[in-house]
Amino acid sequence: MDSSTSSSDPGASRRFATRVFASFFAVVLGYCILVEVLRPHVIIASSQWALNRIQAERFIYSVERPAAVIVGSSLAFHLPESTLGNRIFNLSLAAVGPLTGLEVVERSGNLPQAVIIETNFLFSAADHDFVEGLYAPPLYQVRSIVRGLRFEYQPVNVILSAVRRAGGHSGAQREAVRADPKVVANMVEVHERELSRSAQEAGLSPALENLQRLVSRLEKRGTQIIFLEMPVHPRLHAASLERAVHDQVLALYPRDRYRWLMMQECGEPETTDGLHLTYAEAARYAAALRDSVLPVGRTDAVKCPAQPGAQPKS
């Protein structure tokens, strides 16, 4: 009788729940303190979405104002940060597109001197849910103070990064990777079919309306807008959707009024699939972009990669 009464005692249930919550809070607090002390270097995440979230949080919580920020797709995503340097922040979000990154920048209080907008995939609509998730209170404010609650320091990402570093994968190894011509040829055909859609089907008009809205807001706040056309296989550059994007963006933002970095004009790049640069090629283009942009405010022609791999047109 007493045992039955005790097991149904609401006070006991509350005490048990309180102990569970206190234990959970203690574990989270301890982990957050550990992160603050050790500052683990996260280089990989559990998914591409997580990588995008980590990069976006790094930008919005950075205490330093970058000279320039790149907003782009997976094409610019692979430009190495080590080559771009610490004055250019790469906020390119793979599988999302430049308009999402542009919204992240526009809503931040950390506006750069210049925003570099990759144009290749400007038809991709902005992911408003992704942006809202970044700035949703109260976690947005809490994460600005408690580093351990950011996506970057989720235990799975810290563990995966430690395993990757232990396995080793040097820059020299990445530099040595070369594209397989057969794979490139097959993937060019696949991407060519994808880029044969009409501009209307791809949603280019609403995307450009969003672009104009965001660019106008940034310009009113004193940010310079620079447009970047990443280099791709010539057949993909000539695809109907790519040409529509190129022509319509150029009509809205002509070269006599805006700075354009037409990397496509530097010649055919070495890619892994017709779209994405090999690591060595990405490093060369990152150096060319850096030297073309910094210091912010320059107006000279784009600098093409100086090393072999992407020969400038004569």
C-alpha atoms as a PDB file:
ATOM      1  CA  MET A   1       0.000   0.000   0.000  1.00  0.00           C
ATOM      2  CA  ASP A   2       2.781   2.451   0.967  1.00  0.00           C
ATOM      3  CA  SER A   3       4.830   1.412  -2.074  1.00  0.00           C
ATOM      4  CA  SER A   4       1.893   2.082  -4.390  1.00  0.00           C
ATOM      5  CA  THR A   5       1.280   5.464  -2.829  1.00  0.00           C
ATOM      6  CA  SER A   6       4.969   6.367  -3.088  1.00  0.00           C
ATOM      7  CA  SER A   7       5.224   5.416  -6.774  1.00  0.00           C
ATOM      8  CA  SER A   8       2.323   7.669  -7.654  1.00  0.00           C
ATOM      9  CA  ASP A   9       3.510  10.580  -5.534  1.00  0.00           C
ATOM     10  CA  PRO A  10       3.573  13.668  -7.808  1.00  0.00           C
ATOM     11  CA  GLY A  11       6.248  15.213  -5.616  1.00  0.00           C
ATOM     12  CA  ALA A  12       8.594  12.312  -6.334  1.00  0.00           C
ATOM     13  CA  SER A  13       8.001  12.711 -10.072  1.00  0.00           C
ATOM     14  CA  ARG A  14       8.833  16.412  -9.877  1.00  0.00           C
ATOM     15  CA  ARG A  15      11.998  15.733  -7.916  1.00  0.00           C
ATOM     16  CA  PHE A  16      13.088  13.137 -10.452  1.00  0.00           C
ATOM     17  CA  ALA A  17      12.425  15.539 -13.360  1.00  0.00           C
ATOM     18  CA  THR A  18      14.342  18.253 -11.520  1.00  0.00           C
ATOM     19  CA  ARG A  19      17.344  15.956 -11.049  1.00  0.00           C
ATOM     20  CA  VAL A  20      17.296  14.981 -14.720  1.00  0.00           C
ATOM     21  CA  PHE A  21      17.132  18.638 -15.819  1.00  0.00           C
ATOM     22  CA  ALA A  22      19.888  19.633 -13.379  1.00  0.00           C
ATOM     23  CA  SER A  23      22.116  16.826 -14.658  1.00  0.00           C
ATOM     24  CA  PHE A  24      21.475  17.793 -18.281  1.00  0.00           C
ATOM     25  CA  PHE A  25      22.169  21.464 -17.514  1.00  0.00           C
ATOM     26  CA  ALA A  26      25.403  20.541 -15.732  1.00  0.00           C
ATOM     27  CA  VAL A  27      26.588  18.466 -18.725  1.00  0.00           C
ATOM     28  CA  VAL A  28      25.765  21.260 -21.207  1.00  0.00           C
ATOM     29  CA  LEU A  29      27.400  23.882 -18.996  1.00  0.00           C
ATOM     30  CA  GLY A  30      30.503  21.749 -18.586  1.00  0.00           C
ATOM     31  CA  TYR A  31      30.728  21.157 -22.333  1.00  0.00           C
ATOM     32  CA  CYS A  32      30.328  24.879 -23.075  1.00  0.00           C
ATOM     33  CA  ILE A  33      33.115  25.715 -20.618  1.00  0.00           C
ATOM     34  CA  LEU A  34      35.317  23.065 -22.225  1.00  0.00           C
ATOM     35  CA  VAL A  35      34.673  24.537 -25.696  1.00  0.00           C
ATOM     36  CA  GLU A  36      35.474  28.030 -24.451  1.00  0.00           C
ATOM     37  CA  VAL A  37      38.777  26.836 -23.003  1.00  0.00           C
ATOM     38  CA  LEU A  38      39.917  24.477 -25.772  1.00  0.00           C
ATOM     39  CA  ARG A  39      38.399  26.218 -28.820  1.00  0.00           C
ATOM     40  CA  PRO A  40      38.458  23.025 -30.975  1.00  0.00           C
ATOM     41  CA  HIS A  41      39.124  23.645 -34.666  1.00  0.00           C
ATOM     42  CA  VAL A  42      36.191  22.308 -36.677  1.00  0.00           C
ATOM     43  CA  ILE A  43      37.015  21.490 -40.312  1.00  0.00           C
ATOM     44  CA  ILE A  44      34.193  19.133 -41.257  1.00  0.00           C
ATOM     45  CA  ALA A  45      30.537  18.650 -40.339  1.00  0.00           C
ATOM     46  CA  SER A  46      27.885  15.957 -40.377  1.00  0.00           C
ATOM     47  CA  SER A  47      26.212  17.318 -43.533  1.00  0.00           C
ATOM     48  CA  GLN A  48      26.440  20.035 -46.170  1.00  0.00           C
ATOM     49  CA  TRP A  49      23.583  21.860 -44.442  1.00  0.00           C
ATOM     50  CA  ALA A  50      25.580  21.829 -41.203  1.00  0.00           C
ATOM     51  CA  LEU A  51      28.646  23.185 -43.010  1.00  0.00           C
ATOM     52  CA  ASN A  52      26.537  26.022 -44.428  1.00  0.00           C
ATOM     53  CA  ARG A  53      25.119  26.773 -40.991  1.00  0.00           C
ATOM     54  CA  ILE A  54      28.589  26.776 -39.432  1.00  0.00           C
ATOM     55  CA  GLN A  55      29.951  29.179 -42.029  1.00  0.00           C
ATOM     56  CA  ALA A  56      26.975  31.513 -41.674  1.00  0.00           C
ATOM     57  CA  GLU A  57      27.308  31.559 -37.883  1.00  0.00           C
ATOM     58  CA  ARG A  58      31.024  32.249 -38.155  1.00  0.00           C
ATOM     59  CA  PHE A  59      30.168  35.321 -40.192  1.00  0.00           C
ATOM     60  CA  ILE A  60      27.365  36.742 -38.058  1.00  0.00           C
ATOM     61  CA  TYR A  61      29.237  36.197 -34.786  1.00  0.00           C
ATOM     62  CA  SER A  62      32.610  37.449 -36.016  1.00  0.00           C
ATOM     63  CA  VAL A  63      33.943  40.426 -34.077  1.00  0.00           C
ATOM     64  CA  GLU A  64      36.036  41.558 -37.045  1.00  0.00           C
ATOM     65  CA  ARG A  65      34.571  43.350 -40.038  1.00  0.00           C
ATOM     66  CA  PRO A  66      35.862  41.754 -43.265  1.00  0.00           C
ATOM     67  CA  ALA A  67      36.878  43.945 -46.168  1.00  0.00           C
ATOM     68  CA  ALA A  68      34.778  41.816 -48.522  1.00  0.00           C
ATOM     69  CA  VAL A  69      32.359  38.903 -48.336  1.00  0.00           C
ATOM     70  CA  ILE A  70      31.727  36.394 -51.145  1.00  0.00           C
ATOM     71  CA  VAL A  71      28.158  35.120 -51.437  1.00  0.00           C
ATOM     72  CA  GLY A  72      27.872  32.272 -53.879  1.00  0.00           C
ATOM     73  CA  SER A  73      26.969  28.666 -54.620  1.00  0.00           C
ATOM     74  CA  SER A  74      29.046  25.487 -54.470  1.00  0.00           C
ATOM     75  CA  LEU A  75      31.192  26.948 -57.271  1.00  0.00           C
ATOM     76  CA  ALA A  76      32.686  29.651 -55.049  1.00  0.00           C
ATOM     77  CA  PHE A  77      32.324  27.500 -51.918  1.00  0.00           C
ATOM     78  CA  HIS A  78      35.503  25.630 -52.857  1.00  0.00           C
ATOM     79  CA  LEU A  79      37.724  28.736 -53.029  1.00  0.00           C
ATOM     80  CA  PRO A  80      40.212  28.030 -50.202  1.00  0.00           C
ATOM     81  CA  GLU A  81      40.009  30.383 -47.239  1.00  0.00           C
ATOM     82  CA  SER A  82      43.742  29.959 -46.710  1.00  0.00           C
ATOM     83  CA  THR A  83      44.341  31.561 -50.125  1.00  0.00           C
ATOM     84  CA  LEU A  84      41.642  34.222 -49.911  1.00  0.00           C
ATOM     85  CA  GLY A  85      43.180  35.476 -46.664  1.00  0.00           C
ATOM     86  CA  ASN A  86      41.524  36.890 -43.565  1.00  0.00           C
ATOM     87  CA  ARG A  87      40.236  40.058 -45.232  1.00  0.00           C
ATOM     88  CA  ILE A  88      37.835  38.183 -47.537  1.00  0.00           C
ATOM     89  CA  PHE A  89      35.148  36.019 -45.925  1.00  0.00           C
ATOM     90  CA  ASN A  90      33.738  33.217 -48.066  1.00  0.00           C
ATOM     91  CA  LEU A  91      30.009  32.935 -47.285  1.00  0.00           C
ATOM     92  CA  SER A  92      29.265  30.770 -50.314  1.00  0.00           C
ATOM     93  CA  LEU A  93      26.643  28.167 -49.393  1.00  0.00           C
ATOM     94  CA  ALA A  94      26.686  24.928 -51.363  1.00  0.00           C
ATOM     95  CA  ALA A  95      23.296  23.569 -52.492  1.00  0.00           C
ATOM     96  CA  VAL A  96      21.642  26.831 -51.409  1.00  0.00           C
ATOM     97  CA  GLY A  97      22.939  29.665 -53.572  1.00  0.00           C
ATOM     98  CA  PRO A  98      24.101  33.270 -53.380  1.00  0.00           C
ATOM     99  CA  LEU A  99      20.777  34.918 -52.513  1.00  0.00           C
ATOM    100  CA  THR A 100      20.644  33.091 -49.177  1.00  0.00           C
ATOM    101  CA  GLY A 101      24.112  34.331 -48.279  1.00  0.00           C
ATOM    102  CA  LEU A 102      23.161  37.821 -49.437  1.00  0.00           C
ATOM    103  CA  GLU A 103      20.173  37.825 -47.055  1.00  0.00           C
ATOM    104  CA  VAL A 104      22.435  36.699 -44.210  1.00  0.00           C
ATOM    105  CA  VAL A 105      24.788  39.618 -44.887  1.00  0.00           C
ATOM    106  CA  GLU A 106      21.986  42.164 -45.275  1.00  0.00           C
ATOM    107  CA  ARG A 107      20.455  41.226 -41.911  1.00  0.00           C
ATOM    108  CA  SER A 108      23.757  41.255 -40.053  1.00  0.00           C
ATOM    109  CA  GLY A 109      25.211  44.198 -38.218  1.00  0.00           C
ATOM    110  CA  ASN A 110      28.636  43.304 -39.572  1.00  0.00           C
ATOM    111  CA  LEU A 111      28.478  44.789 -43.057  1.00  0.00           C
ATOM    112  CA  PRO A 112      31.692  44.540 -45.094  1.00  0.00           C
ATOM    113  CA  GLN A 113      33.088  47.231 -47.358  1.00  0.00           C
ATOM    114  CA  ALA A 114      32.158  45.104 -50.375  1.00  0.00           C
ATOM    115  CA  VAL A 115      29.953  42.128 -51.185  1.00  0.00           C
ATOM    116  CA  ILE A 116      31.051  39.888 -54.064  1.00  0.00           C
ATOM    117  CA  ILE A 117      28.006  38.187 -55.604  1.00  0.00           C
ATOM    118  CA  GLU A 118      28.553  35.040 -57.658  1.00  0.00           C
ATOM    119  CA  THR A 119      26.166  35.196 -60.615  1.00  0.00           C
ATOM    120  CA  ASN A 120      26.303  31.665 -62.067  1.00  0.00           C
ATOM    121  CA  PHE A 121      23.404  30.288 -60.019  1.00  0.00           C
ATOM    122  CA  LEU A 122      21.481  33.434 -59.218  1.00  0.00           C
ATOM    123  CA  PHE A 123      18.279  31.723 -60.304  1.00  0.00           C
ATOM    124  CA  SER A 124      18.319  29.698 -57.057  1.00  0.00           C
ATOM    125  CA  ALA A 125      15.732  31.092 -54.649  1.00  0.00           C
ATOM    126  CA  ALA A 126      16.814  32.229 -51.198  1.00  0.00           C
ATOM    127  CA  ASP A 127      16.267  29.777 -48.354  1.00  0.00           C
ATOM    128  CA  HIS A 128      14.315  32.014 -45.981  1.00  0.00           C
ATOM    129  CA  ASP A 129      13.939  29.248 -43.373  1.00  0.00           C
ATOM    130  CA  PHE A 130      17.730  28.919 -43.203  1.00  0.00           C
ATOM    131  CA  VAL A 131      18.109  32.667 -42.615  1.00  0.00           C
ATOM    132  CA  GLU A 132      15.290  32.830 -40.059  1.00  0.00           C
ATOM    133  CA  GLY A 133      16.869  29.932 -38.172  1.00  0.00           C
ATOM    134  CA  LEU A 134      20.096  31.894 -37.819  1.00  0.00           C
ATOM    135  CA  TYR A 135      18.480  35.024 -36.407  1.00  0.00           C
ATOM    136  CA  ALA A 136      15.632  33.461 -34.383  1.00  0.00           C
ATOM    137  CA  PRO A 137      15.516  34.740 -30.784  1.00  0.00           C
ATOM    138  CA  PRO A 138      16.486  33.921 -28.123  1.00  0.00           C
ATOM    139  CA  LEU A 139      19.098  31.438 -29.408  1.00  0.00           C
ATOM    140  CA  TYR A 140      20.599  34.046 -31.759  1.00  0.00           C
ATOM    141  CA  GLN A 141      21.430  36.258 -28.796  1.00  0.00           C
ATOM    142  CA  VAL A 142      22.493  33.343 -26.561  1.00  0.00           C
ATOM    143  CA  ARG A 143      24.854  31.877 -29.176  1.00  0.00           C
ATOM    144  CA  SER A 144      26.531  35.268 -29.551  1.00  0.00           C
ATOM    145  CA  ILE A 145      27.696  34.820 -25.939  1.00  0.00           C
ATOM    146  CA  VAL A 146      27.874  31.040 -25.472  1.00  0.00           C
ATOM    147  CA  ARG A 147      30.163  29.644 -28.146  1.00  0.00           C
ATOM    148  CA  GLY A 148      29.471  26.027 -27.205  1.00  0.00           C
ATOM    149  CA  LEU A 149      25.836  26.282 -28.349  1.00  0.00           C
ATOM    150  CA  ARG A 150      26.761  27.113 -31.930  1.00  0.00           C
ATOM    151  CA  PHE A 151      26.444  24.427 -34.628  1.00  0.00           C
ATOM    152  CA  GLU A 152      30.193  24.488 -35.161  1.00  0.00           C
ATOM    153  CA  TYR A 153      30.806  22.982 -31.732  1.00  0.00           C
ATOM    154  CA  GLN A 154      28.185  20.278 -31.735  1.00  0.00           C
ATOM    155  CA  PRO A 155      29.967  17.159 -30.435  1.00  0.00           C
ATOM    156  CA  VAL A 156      29.524  15.241 -33.697  1.00  0.00           C
ATOM    157  CA  ASN A 157      31.295  18.001 -35.674  1.00  0.00           C
ATOM    158  CA  VAL A 158      34.136  18.263 -33.135  1.00  0.00           C
ATOM    159  CA  ILE A 159      34.636  14.478 -33.196  1.00  0.00           C
ATOM    160  CA  LEU A 160      34.503  14.230 -37.003  1.00  0.00           C
ATOM    161  CA  SER A 161      37.070  17.033 -37.298  1.00  0.00           C
ATOM    162  CA  ALA A 162      39.404  15.344 -34.837  1.00  0.00           C
ATOM    163  CA  VAL A 163      39.156  12.083 -36.783  1.00  0.00           C
ATOM    164  CA  ARG A 164      39.821  13.888 -40.078  1.00  0.00           C
ATOM    165  CA  ARG A 165      42.913  15.606 -38.687  1.00  0.00           C
ATOM    166  CA  ALA A 166      44.184  12.332 -37.229  1.00  0.00           C
ATOM    167  CA  GLY A 167      43.782  10.657 -40.620  1.00  0.00           C
ATOM    168  CA  GLY A 168      45.726  13.435 -42.308  1.00  0.00           C
ATOM    169  CA  HIS A 169      45.082  14.918 -45.724  1.00  0.00           C
ATOM    170  CA  SER A 170      47.755  17.404 -46.662  1.00  0.00           C
ATOM    171  CA  GLY A 171      47.474  20.349 -48.994  1.00  0.00           C
ATOM    172  CA  ALA A 172      50.054  18.703 -51.226  1.00  0.00           C
ATOM    173  CA  GLN A 173      47.775  15.685 -51.631  1.00  0.00           C
ATOM    174  CA  ARG A 174      44.813  17.888 -52.544  1.00  0.00           C
ATOM    175  CA  GLU A 175      46.965  19.841 -54.993  1.00  0.00           C
ATOM    176  CA  ALA A 176      47.932  16.596 -56.719  1.00  0.00           C
ATOM    177  CA  VAL A 177      44.338  15.554 -57.424  1.00  0.00           C
ATOM    178  CA  ARG A 178      43.468  15.872 -61.099  1.00  0.00           C
ATOM    179  CA  ALA A 179      40.177  15.517 -62.920  1.00  0.00           C
ATOM    180  CA  ASP A 180      39.245  12.347 -64.784  1.00  0.00           C
ATOM    181  CA  PRO A 181      38.456  13.421 -68.385  1.00  0.00           C
ATOM    182  CA  LYS A 182      35.797  10.722 -68.777  1.00  0.00           C
ATOM    183  CA  VAL A 183      34.025  11.780 -65.589  1.00  0.00           C
ATOM    184  CA  VAL A 184      34.188  15.422 -66.631  1.00  0.00           C
ATOM    185  CA  ALA A 185      32.742  14.637 -70.076  1.00  0.00           C
ATOM    186  CA  ASN A 186      29.862  12.642 -68.579  1.00  0.00           C
ATOM    187  CA  MET A 187      29.062  15.283 -65.969  1.00  0.00           C
ATOM    188  CA  VAL A 188      29.162  18.091 -68.535  1.00  0.00           C
ATOM    189  CA  GLU A 189      26.372  16.303 -70.413  1.00  0.00           C
ATOM    190  CA  VAL A 190      24.357  15.949 -67.188  1.00  0.00           C
ATOM    191  CA  HIS A 191      24.786  19.597 -66.212  1.00  0.00           C
ATOM    192  CA  GLU A 192      24.125  20.737 -69.761  1.00  0.00           C
ATOM    193  CA  ARG A 193      20.687  19.104 -69.631  1.00  0.00           C
ATOM    194  CA  GLU A 194      19.987  20.724 -66.244  1.00  0.00           C
ATOM    195  CA  LEU A 195      20.978  24.143 -67.575  1.00  0.00           C
ATOM    196  CA  SER A 196      18.796  23.820 -70.673  1.00  0.00           C
ATOM    197  CA  ARG A 197      15.715  24.854 -68.672  1.00  0.00           C
ATOM    198  CA  SER A 198      14.062  28.144 -69.505  1.00  0.00           C
ATOM    199  CA  ALA A 199      14.642  31.158 -67.274  1.00  0.00           C
ATOM    200  CA  GLN A 200      10.961  31.143 -66.379  1.00  0.00           C
ATOM    201  CA  GLU A 201      11.028  27.500 -65.322  1.00  0.00           C
ATOM    202  CA  ALA A 202      14.126  28.121 -63.197  1.00  0.00           C
ATOM    203  CA  GLY A 203      12.475  31.063 -61.413  1.00  0.00           C
ATOM    204  CA  LEU A 204      14.937  33.691 -62.614  1.00  0.00           C
ATOM    205  CA  SER A 205      12.554  36.679 -62.536  1.00  0.00           C
ATOM    206  CA  PRO A 206      11.589  36.441 -58.825  1.00  0.00           C
ATOM    207  CA  ALA A 207      15.220  35.712 -57.966  1.00  0.00           C
ATOM    208  CA  LEU A 208      16.351  38.884 -59.728  1.00  0.00           C
ATOM    209  CA  GLU A 209      13.638  40.898 -57.976  1.00  0.00           C
ATOM    210  CA  ASN A 210      15.011  39.651 -54.661  1.00  0.00           C
ATOM    211  CA  LEU A 211      18.542  40.464 -55.816  1.00  0.00           C
ATOM    212  CA  GLN A 212      17.553  44.048 -56.644  1.00  0.00           C
ATOM    213  CA  ARG A 213      15.885  44.498 -53.264  1.00  0.00           C
ATOM    214  CA  LEU A 214      18.914  43.243 -51.339  1.00  0.00           C
ATOM    215  CA  VAL A 215      21.477  45.108 -53.441  1.00  0.00           C
ATOM    216  CA  SER A 216      19.540  48.358 -53.015  1.00  0.00           C
ATOM    217  CA  ARG A 217      19.478  47.957 -49.234  1.00  0.00           C
ATOM    218  CA  LEU A 218      23.197  47.202 -49.053  1.00  0.00           C
ATOM    219  CA  GLU A 219      24.143  50.102 -51.300  1.00  0.00           C
ATOM    220  CA  LYS A 220      22.098  52.498 -49.158  1.00  0.00           C
ATOM    221  CA  ARG A 221      24.199  51.395 -46.200  1.00  0.00           C
ATOM    222  CA  GLY A 222      27.437  52.093 -48.045  1.00  0.00           C
ATOM    223  CA  THR A 223      28.457  48.608 -49.192  1.00  0.00           C
ATOM    224  CA  GLN A 224      30.070  48.252 -52.620  1.00  0.00           C
ATOM    225  CA  ILE A 225      28.582  45.545 -54.851  1.00  0.00           C
ATOM    226  CA  ILE A 226      30.907  43.449 -57.031  1.00  0.00           C
ATOM    227  CA  PHE A 227      29.714  40.700 -59.370  1.00  0.00           C
ATOM    228  CA  LEU A 228      31.676  37.492 -59.876  1.00  0.00           C
ATOM    229  CA  GLU A 229      31.255  35.050 -62.740  1.00  0.00           C
ATOM    230  CA  MET A 230      32.977  31.819 -61.778  1.00  0.00           C
ATOM    231  CA  PRO A 231      34.694  29.880 -64.582  1.00  0.00           C
ATOM    232  CA  VAL A 232      32.998  26.717 -65.847  1.00  0.00           C
ATOM    233  CA  HIS A 233      33.304  24.407 -68.843  1.00  0.00           C
ATOM    234  CA  PRO A 234      32.635  26.402 -72.073  1.00  0.00           C
ATOM    235  CA  ARG A 235      29.623  24.239 -72.984  1.00  0.00           C
ATOM    236  CA  LEU A 236      28.007  24.991 -69.644  1.00  0.00           C
ATOM    237  CA  HIS A 237      28.792  28.676 -69.911  1.00  0.00           C
ATOM    238  CA  ALA A 238      26.991  28.620 -73.277  1.00  0.00           C
ATOM    239  CA  ALA A 239      23.930  26.770 -71.904  1.00  0.00           C
ATOM    240  CA  SER A 240      20.648  28.650 -72.320  1.00  0.00           C
ATOM    241  CA  LEU A 241      19.947  29.201 -68.617  1.00  0.00           C
ATOM    242  CA  GLU A 242      23.482  30.388 -67.914  1.00  0.00           C
ATOM    243  CA  ARG A 243      23.289  32.818 -70.826  1.00  0.00           C
ATOM    244  CA  ALA A 244      19.924  34.137 -69.596  1.00  0.00           C
ATOM    245  CA  VAL A 245      21.347  34.757 -66.121  1.00  0.00           C
ATOM    246  CA  HIS A 246      24.469  36.399 -67.537  1.00  0.00           C
ATOM    247  CA  ASP A 247      22.555  38.682 -69.902  1.00  0.00           C
ATOM    248  CA  GLN A 248      19.824  39.735 -67.473  1.00  0.00           C
ATOM    249  CA  VAL A 249      22.126  40.435 -64.533  1.00  0.00           C
ATOM    250  CA  LEU A 250      24.463  42.375 -66.814  1.00  0.00           C
ATOM    251  CA  ALA A 251      21.506  44.426 -68.092  1.00  0.00           C
ATOM    252  CA  LEU A 252      20.533  45.316 -64.518  1.00  0.00           C
ATOM    253  CA  TYR A 253      24.095  46.005 -63.394  1.00  0.00           C
ATOM    254  CA  PRO A 254      26.185  47.071 -66.439  1.00  0.00           C
ATOM    255  CA  ARG A 255      29.959  46.996 -66.403  1.00  0.00           C
ATOM    256  CA  ASP A 256      30.247  50.766 -66.765  1.00  0.00           C
ATOM    257  CA  ARG A 257      28.531  51.186 -63.383  1.00  0.00           C
ATOM    258  CA  TYR A 258      29.504  48.037 -61.469  1.00  0.00           C
ATOM    259  CA  ARG A 259      32.686  46.074 -60.957  1.00  0.00           C
ATOM    260  CA  TRP A 260      32.555  42.664 -62.649  1.00  0.00           C
ATOM    261  CA  LEU A 261      35.071  39.870 -62.134  1.00  0.00           C
ATOM    262  CA  MET A 262      34.540  37.837 -65.288  1.00  0.00           C
ATOM    263  CA  MET A 263      36.691  34.839 -64.432  1.00  0.00           C
ATOM    264  CA  GLN A 264      35.235  32.994 -67.421  1.00  0.00           C
ATOM    265  CA  GLU A 265      37.280  35.336 -69.606  1.00  0.00           C
ATOM    266  CA  CYS A 266      40.480  33.822 -68.168  1.00  0.00           C
ATOM    267  CA  GLY A 267      40.061  30.676 -70.271  1.00  0.00           C
ATOM    268  CA  GLU A 268      38.822  27.128 -69.720  1.00  0.00           C
ATOM    269  CA  PRO A 269      39.429  25.990 -66.144  1.00  0.00           C
ATOM    270  CA  GLU A 270      40.286  22.523 -64.873  1.00  0.00           C
ATOM    271  CA  THR A 271      37.189  21.137 -63.172  1.00  0.00           C
ATOM    272  CA  THR A 272      36.105  17.885 -61.572  1.00  0.00           C
ATOM    273  CA  ASP A 273      32.701  17.873 -63.298  1.00  0.00           C
ATOM    274  CA  GLY A 274      32.490  20.855 -65.636  1.00  0.00           C
ATOM    275  CA  LEU A 275      31.334  23.161 -62.831  1.00  0.00           C
ATOM    276  CA  HIS A 276      33.543  22.750 -59.763  1.00  0.00           C
ATOM    277  CA  LEU A 277      37.233  23.615 -59.856  1.00  0.00           C
ATOM    278  CA  THR A 278      39.874  21.130 -58.786  1.00  0.00           C
ATOM    279  CA  TYR A 279      41.571  22.098 -55.520  1.00  0.00           C
ATOM    280  CA  ALA A 280      44.714  23.356 -57.257  1.00  0.00           C
ATOM    281  CA  GLU A 281      42.680  25.383 -59.733  1.00  0.00           C
ATOM    282  CA  ALA A 282      40.445  26.777 -56.973  1.00  0.00           C
ATOM    283  CA  ALA A 283      43.529  27.960 -55.100  1.00  0.00           C
ATOM    284  CA  ARG A 284      44.835  29.760 -58.198  1.00  0.00           C
ATOM    285  CA  TYR A 285      41.493  31.434 -58.865  1.00  0.00           C
ATOM    286  CA  ALA A 286      41.172  32.396 -55.193  1.00  0.00           C
ATOM    287  CA  ALA A 287      44.534  34.150 -55.392  1.00  0.00           C
ATOM    288  CA  ALA A 288      43.478  35.935 -58.584  1.00  0.00           C
ATOM    289  CA  LEU A 289      40.196  37.028 -56.984  1.00  0.00           C
ATOM    290  CA  ARG A 290      41.973  38.276 -53.871  1.00  0.00           C
ATOM    291  CA  ASP A 291      44.452  40.275 -55.914  1.00  0.00           C
ATOM    292  CA  SER A 292      41.611  41.673 -58.060  1.00  0.00           C
ATOM    293  CA  VAL A 293      39.515  42.842 -55.107  1.00  0.00           C
ATOM    294  CA  LEU A 294      41.968  44.091 -52.481  1.00  0.00           C
ATOM    295  CA  PRO A 295      42.234  46.834 -51.589  1.00  0.00           C
ATOM    296  CA  VAL A 296      38.472  47.382 -51.897  1.00  0.00           C
ATOM    297  CA  GLY A 297      37.618  50.213 -54.252  1.00  0.00           C
ATOM    298  CA  ARG A 298      39.969  49.358 -57.102  1.00  0.00           C
ATOM    299  CA  THR A 299      38.536  49.453 -60.618  1.00  0.00           C
ATOM    300  CA  ASP A 300      41.204  47.791 -62.765  1.00  0.00           C
ATOM    301  CA  ALA A 301      40.611  44.672 -64.853  1.00  0.00           C
ATOM    302  CA  VAL A 302      40.306  41.251 -63.256  1.00  0.00           C
ATOM    303  CA  LYS A 303      43.590  39.447 -62.664  1.00  0.00           C
ATOM    304  CA  CYS A 304      43.703  35.951 -64.150  1.00  0.00           C
ATOM    305  CA  PRO A 305      45.556  33.054 -62.525  1.00  0.00           C
ATOM    306  CA  ALA A 306      49.259  33.417 -63.219  1.00  0.00           C
ATOM    307  CA  GLN A 307      50.112  29.733 -62.946  1.00  0.00           C
ATOM    308  CA  PRO A 308      49.412  27.032 -65.530  1.00  0.00           C
ATOM    309  CA  GLY A 309      45.948  25.514 -65.486  1.00  0.00           C
ATOM    310  CA  ALA A 310      43.869  28.419 -66.747  1.00  0.00           C
ATOM    311  CA  GLN A 311      45.465  30.222 -69.640  1.00  0.00           C
ATOM    312  CA  PRO A 312      44.238  33.798 -70.218  1.00  0.00           C
ATOM    313  CA  LYS A 313      42.809  34.588 -73.595  1.00  0.00           C
ATOM    314  CA  SER A 314      45.068  36.531 -75.869  1.00  0.00           C
END
